[in-house]
Amino acid sequence: MRAMRRSTGRRSFAVMENGNAQLTARRRSAVWAHIFAAIYDPVLWVGERVGLRAHRQALLAQACGLTVEIGGGTGLNLRHYPDDLDDLVLVEPDGAMRSRLEKRLRRSRPTARVLDGVAERLPFADGTVDTVVSTFVLCTVDAPDLALREIARVLRPDGRLLFIEHVRSESPALAFWQDRLERPWRAFARGCRCNRATAQLIAACGLELEDFREAKWPAMPPIVRPLIEGRAHKAGSVGGRGQLDV
C-alpha cells in the first residue's frame, strides 16, 4: 500500500511539473509575441525601403470590391490599397499584432475592419469575396492546404488571390540551410516556415497561378530572400484581370 502511495505521489508530482513547464512556456510565448509585434516593423524597415514597398504597391493596386487580407499583421499593406474598395477586412489571429493593426487603422484607414480569425476558417459565405490578399502569411499557417481551400471557397468566380510569399529556394545549397535553420527561425519568427514550397501548394488547392514570378526580398536574411509574387484565381474560372507590373 505504501509503495502504491509513493508511486501515485511520483505521478502526481510529474503531472504538476509538466503542467508548470507548459504554463511557463505559454507565458514565454506570450511575452515574445508582444516583443515580436513591437520589433516587426523596424526589422522589415530596410527591406521595405529598398524594394519591397514598391512590390506591395504594384500588387495591391489590383485589389477591388470586397477585399479580405489574411494575416493583416501590423498593417504594412494599408497605405497601398486603392481608395475605392467596396470594403476592406483584415483578419489577424495574433492579439499583439492585432492591437497594433487596429491603432494603425484608426490613423490611416478608419473605414476598414479588423477581425480576430484564422485563414483556415474565414467568416465569409461561399463566393462572396472579390480579392484575397496574402503577404508573408502562408508560411506561418499550420495548415496551408486548408487555408488555400478556404480562400478558393470564399472567392467569387472571377475573384483573385494576390500574394507575396517567401518560399523554399531553387538553389540546393540555400534550400539545405533553410531546412537546417527552419526550427530556430520558426521559433524566432512566430511560426514562419522559411522552406515552405508555397507555389506548389497554391496549385494543388483549387487555385491556378497567373502572372506568377520569382523575386528577392532585399536586405533580409538569405533563408527568407526567395520570393514568389503574383495572382491566382479559382481553378476553371477565366483568368486575367490586367497584368502585374513590378
Protein backbone atom coordinates (compact mmCIF):
# COMPACT_ATOMS: atom_id res chain seq x y z
CA MET A 1 0.00 0.00 0.00
CA ARG A 2 2.81 2.41 0.92
CA ALA A 3 4.54 1.54 -2.37
CA MET A 4 1.31 2.34 -4.24
CA ARG A 5 1.04 5.71 -2.47
CA ARG A 6 4.66 6.52 -3.32
CA SER A 7 4.02 5.63 -6.98
CA THR A 8 0.88 7.76 -7.06
CA GLY A 9 2.75 10.62 -5.43
CA ARG A 10 5.51 10.46 -8.00
CA ARG A 11 2.98 10.51 -10.84
CA SER A 12 1.18 13.50 -9.30
CA PHE A 13 4.48 15.36 -8.93
CA ALA A 14 5.40 14.58 -12.55
CA VAL A 15 2.00 15.84 -13.75
CA MET A 16 2.44 19.01 -11.67
CA GLU A 17 5.94 19.58 -13.08
CA ASN A 18 4.68 19.08 -16.62
CA GLY A 19 1.81 21.48 -16.02
CA ASN A 20 4.17 24.11 -14.62
CA ALA A 21 6.52 23.69 -17.58
CA GLN A 22 3.63 24.17 -20.02
CA LEU A 23 2.44 27.26 -18.15
CA THR A 24 5.97 28.72 -18.25
CA ALA A 25 6.23 28.00 -21.97
CA ARG A 26 2.88 29.73 -22.61
CA ARG A 27 3.97 32.77 -20.62
CA ARG A 28 7.25 32.99 -22.52
CA SER A 29 5.38 32.66 -25.81
CA ALA A 30 3.00 35.47 -24.81
CA VAL A 31 5.90 37.74 -23.86
CA TRP A 32 7.72 37.01 -27.12
CA ALA A 33 4.51 37.66 -29.10
CA HIS A 34 4.42 41.24 -27.77
CA ILE A 35 8.15 41.76 -28.35
CA PHE A 36 7.94 40.37 -31.89
CA ALA A 37 4.98 42.62 -32.73
CA ALA A 38 6.95 45.62 -31.41
CA ILE A 39 10.09 44.89 -33.47
CA TYR A 40 8.32 43.67 -36.64
CA ASP A 41 8.18 46.99 -38.48
CA PRO A 42 11.74 48.08 -37.53
CA VAL A 43 13.17 44.69 -38.60
CA LEU A 44 11.47 45.00 -42.01
CA TRP A 45 12.20 48.71 -42.45
CA VAL A 46 15.29 48.42 -44.65
CA GLY A 47 13.76 45.67 -46.79
CA GLU A 48 10.68 47.84 -47.30
CA ARG A 49 12.69 50.90 -48.28
CA VAL A 50 14.96 49.16 -50.79
CA GLY A 51 12.27 47.45 -52.82
CA LEU A 52 9.53 45.54 -51.05
CA ARG A 53 7.31 48.59 -50.60
CA ALA A 54 7.18 49.03 -54.38
CA HIS A 55 6.23 45.36 -54.78
CA ARG A 56 3.37 45.78 -52.30
CA GLN A 57 2.17 48.92 -54.09
CA ALA A 58 2.12 47.31 -57.53
CA LEU A 59 0.37 44.19 -56.29
CA LEU A 60 -2.27 45.77 -54.08
CA ALA A 61 -3.24 48.36 -56.68
CA GLN A 62 -5.10 45.44 -58.30
CA ALA A 63 -7.38 44.87 -55.31
CA CYS A 64 -11.04 45.62 -55.93
CA GLY A 65 -14.52 45.13 -54.48
CA LEU A 66 -14.72 43.32 -51.15
CA THR A 67 -11.08 42.75 -50.21
CA VAL A 68 -10.00 40.43 -47.40
CA GLU A 69 -6.42 40.37 -46.18
CA ILE A 70 -5.42 37.30 -44.21
CA GLY A 71 -2.78 37.84 -41.55
CA GLY A 72 -3.01 41.63 -41.57
CA GLY A 73 -0.09 41.84 -39.13
CA THR A 74 0.81 45.41 -38.15
CA GLY A 75 -0.82 46.89 -41.27
CA LEU A 76 2.13 47.42 -43.62
CA ASN A 77 -0.18 46.93 -46.61
CA LEU A 78 -2.73 49.54 -45.61
CA ARG A 79 -1.21 52.52 -47.43
CA HIS A 80 -1.17 50.63 -50.73
CA TYR A 81 -4.85 49.71 -51.12
CA PRO A 82 -6.99 51.66 -53.60
CA ASP A 83 -9.35 54.20 -52.07
CA ASP A 84 -12.39 52.92 -53.97
CA LEU A 85 -12.65 49.41 -52.47
CA ASP A 86 -16.18 48.38 -51.53
CA ASP A 87 -14.91 47.11 -48.19
CA LEU A 88 -11.57 46.14 -46.63
CA VAL A 89 -11.46 43.47 -43.94
CA LEU A 90 -8.23 42.40 -42.26
CA VAL A 91 -8.16 39.03 -40.49
CA GLU A 92 -5.47 38.71 -37.82
CA PRO A 93 -5.30 35.93 -35.18
CA ASP A 94 -2.40 37.27 -33.09
CA GLY A 95 -3.56 39.59 -30.32
CA ALA A 96 -0.33 41.61 -30.12
CA MET A 97 -0.27 42.17 -33.87
CA ARG A 98 -3.99 42.91 -33.95
CA SER A 99 -3.60 45.64 -31.33
CA ARG A 100 -1.02 47.44 -33.47
CA LEU A 101 -3.09 46.89 -36.61
CA GLU A 102 -6.16 48.48 -35.02
CA LYS A 103 -4.14 51.54 -33.98
CA ARG A 104 -2.78 51.97 -37.50
CA LEU A 105 -6.25 51.52 -38.92
CA ARG A 106 -7.65 54.34 -36.79
CA ARG A 107 -4.93 56.66 -38.09
CA SER A 108 -4.88 55.76 -41.76
CA ARG A 109 -7.96 53.75 -42.80
CA PRO A 110 -10.80 54.15 -40.30
CA THR A 111 -13.41 52.58 -42.61
CA ALA A 112 -11.59 49.23 -42.73
CA ARG A 113 -12.40 46.45 -40.27
CA VAL A 114 -10.26 44.05 -38.26
CA LEU A 115 -11.45 40.55 -37.36
CA ASP A 116 -9.96 38.06 -34.92
CA GLY A 117 -9.76 34.94 -37.05
CA VAL A 118 -7.57 32.44 -38.89
CA ALA A 119 -7.04 31.78 -42.59
CA GLU A 120 -8.24 28.19 -42.20
CA ARG A 121 -11.74 29.38 -41.16
CA LEU A 122 -12.73 32.62 -42.87
CA PRO A 123 -16.04 34.15 -41.73
CA PHE A 124 -17.40 34.76 -45.23
CA ALA A 125 -20.00 32.95 -47.30
CA ASP A 126 -19.08 30.94 -50.39
CA GLY A 127 -18.25 33.02 -53.46
CA THR A 128 -18.64 36.45 -51.87
CA VAL A 129 -15.11 37.94 -51.83
CA ASP A 130 -13.57 39.75 -54.80
CA THR A 131 -9.95 39.87 -53.61
CA VAL A 132 -7.99 37.93 -51.01
CA VAL A 133 -4.53 39.26 -50.09
CA SER A 134 -1.74 37.24 -48.50
CA THR A 135 1.69 38.77 -47.92
CA PHE A 136 4.16 36.67 -45.91
CA VAL A 137 1.33 34.71 -44.30
CA LEU A 138 1.04 31.29 -45.97
CA CYS A 139 4.42 30.37 -44.47
CA THR A 140 3.01 30.79 -40.95
CA VAL A 141 -0.32 28.96 -41.04
CA ASP A 142 -0.30 25.47 -39.56
CA ALA A 143 -2.47 24.01 -42.32
CA PRO A 144 -1.73 25.90 -45.57
CA ASP A 145 -3.77 23.46 -47.64
CA LEU A 146 -6.87 24.23 -45.55
CA ALA A 147 -6.18 27.96 -45.76
CA LEU A 148 -5.84 27.87 -49.56
CA ARG A 149 -9.00 25.81 -49.99
CA GLU A 150 -10.78 28.28 -47.74
CA ILE A 151 -9.55 31.13 -49.93
CA ALA A 152 -10.84 29.30 -53.01
CA ARG A 153 -14.18 28.78 -51.25
CA VAL A 154 -14.83 32.44 -50.42
CA LEU A 155 -13.63 33.89 -53.73
CA ARG A 156 -16.15 34.84 -56.38
CA PRO A 157 -15.79 33.01 -59.72
CA ASP A 158 -13.82 35.97 -61.09
CA GLY A 159 -12.10 36.77 -57.77
CA ARG A 160 -8.34 36.82 -57.23
CA LEU A 161 -5.78 35.88 -54.64
CA LEU A 162 -2.95 38.46 -54.61
CA PHE A 163 0.18 37.18 -52.91
CA ILE A 164 3.80 37.86 -52.00
CA GLU A 165 5.36 34.98 -50.08
CA HIS A 166 8.87 33.85 -49.27
CA VAL A 167 9.46 30.24 -50.26
CA ARG A 168 11.83 27.31 -50.47
CA SER A 169 14.82 28.20 -52.63
CA GLU A 170 15.52 26.60 -56.00
CA SER A 171 19.21 26.61 -55.00
CA PRO A 172 20.12 23.27 -53.35
CA ALA A 173 22.69 24.98 -51.13
CA LEU A 174 20.29 27.62 -49.84
CA ALA A 175 17.46 25.08 -49.51
CA PHE A 176 19.79 22.96 -47.36
CA TRP A 177 20.30 25.88 -44.96
CA GLN A 178 16.57 26.66 -44.98
CA ASP A 179 15.94 23.10 -43.82
CA ARG A 180 18.70 23.25 -41.20
CA LEU A 181 17.52 26.58 -39.78
CA GLU A 182 13.77 26.06 -40.14
CA ARG A 183 13.14 25.21 -36.48
CA PRO A 184 15.09 28.07 -34.85
CA TRP A 185 13.75 30.53 -37.43
CA ARG A 186 10.20 29.33 -36.79
CA ALA A 187 10.68 29.90 -33.04
CA PHE A 188 12.04 33.39 -33.65
CA ALA A 189 9.55 34.43 -36.33
CA ARG A 190 6.38 33.20 -34.63
CA GLY A 191 5.67 30.15 -36.78
CA CYS A 192 7.25 31.15 -40.09
CA ARG A 193 8.45 28.15 -42.14
CA CYS A 194 11.20 29.51 -44.34
CA ASN A 195 11.34 26.35 -46.51
CA ARG A 196 7.67 26.00 -47.48
CA ALA A 197 7.01 25.29 -51.19
CA THR A 198 4.06 27.65 -51.40
CA ALA A 199 3.70 27.85 -55.19
CA GLN A 200 3.13 24.10 -55.38
CA LEU A 201 0.62 24.31 -52.53
CA ILE A 202 -1.37 27.04 -54.28
CA ALA A 203 -1.56 24.97 -57.46
CA ALA A 204 -2.68 21.87 -55.53
CA CYS A 205 -5.53 23.51 -53.59
CA GLY A 206 -8.14 24.62 -56.10
CA LEU A 207 -6.34 27.72 -57.40
CA GLU A 208 -4.50 28.42 -60.65
CA LEU A 209 -1.44 30.68 -60.75
CA GLU A 210 -1.31 33.63 -63.13
CA ASP A 211 1.34 36.32 -63.64
CA PHE A 212 3.45 34.26 -61.30
CA ARG A 213 7.07 35.30 -60.90
CA GLU A 214 10.06 34.88 -58.63
CA ALA A 215 11.71 37.78 -56.84
CA LYS A 216 14.01 38.50 -53.91
CA TRP A 217 13.41 40.11 -50.53
CA PRO A 218 16.28 42.62 -50.32
CA ALA A 219 18.21 43.29 -47.12
CA MET A 220 16.77 40.27 -45.33
CA PRO A 221 18.43 37.04 -44.10
CA PRO A 222 19.25 34.75 -47.05
CA ILE A 223 16.90 31.97 -45.89
CA VAL A 224 13.87 34.26 -46.42
CA ARG A 225 15.02 36.15 -49.51
CA PRO A 226 13.49 33.92 -52.24
CA LEU A 227 10.01 35.25 -53.03
CA ILE A 228 7.09 34.44 -55.25
CA GLU A 229 4.50 37.05 -56.16
CA GLY A 230 1.53 37.26 -58.44
CA ARG A 231 -2.11 36.34 -58.70
CA ALA A 232 -4.17 33.18 -58.59
CA HIS A 233 -7.80 32.50 -59.48
CA LYS A 234 -10.19 29.66 -58.91
CA ALA A 235 -9.40 26.60 -60.96
CA GLY A 236 -11.65 26.55 -64.01
CA SER A 237 -12.52 30.27 -63.89
CA VAL A 238 -11.45 32.74 -66.56
CA GLY A 239 -8.09 34.28 -65.64
CA GLY A 240 -6.59 37.65 -66.42
CA ARG A 241 -7.67 40.94 -64.94
CA GLY A 242 -4.76 43.05 -66.10
CA GLN A 243 -1.05 42.47 -65.81
CA LEU A 244 1.12 42.52 -62.74
CA ASP A 245 3.74 45.21 -63.31
CA VAL A 246 6.60 45.01 -60.79
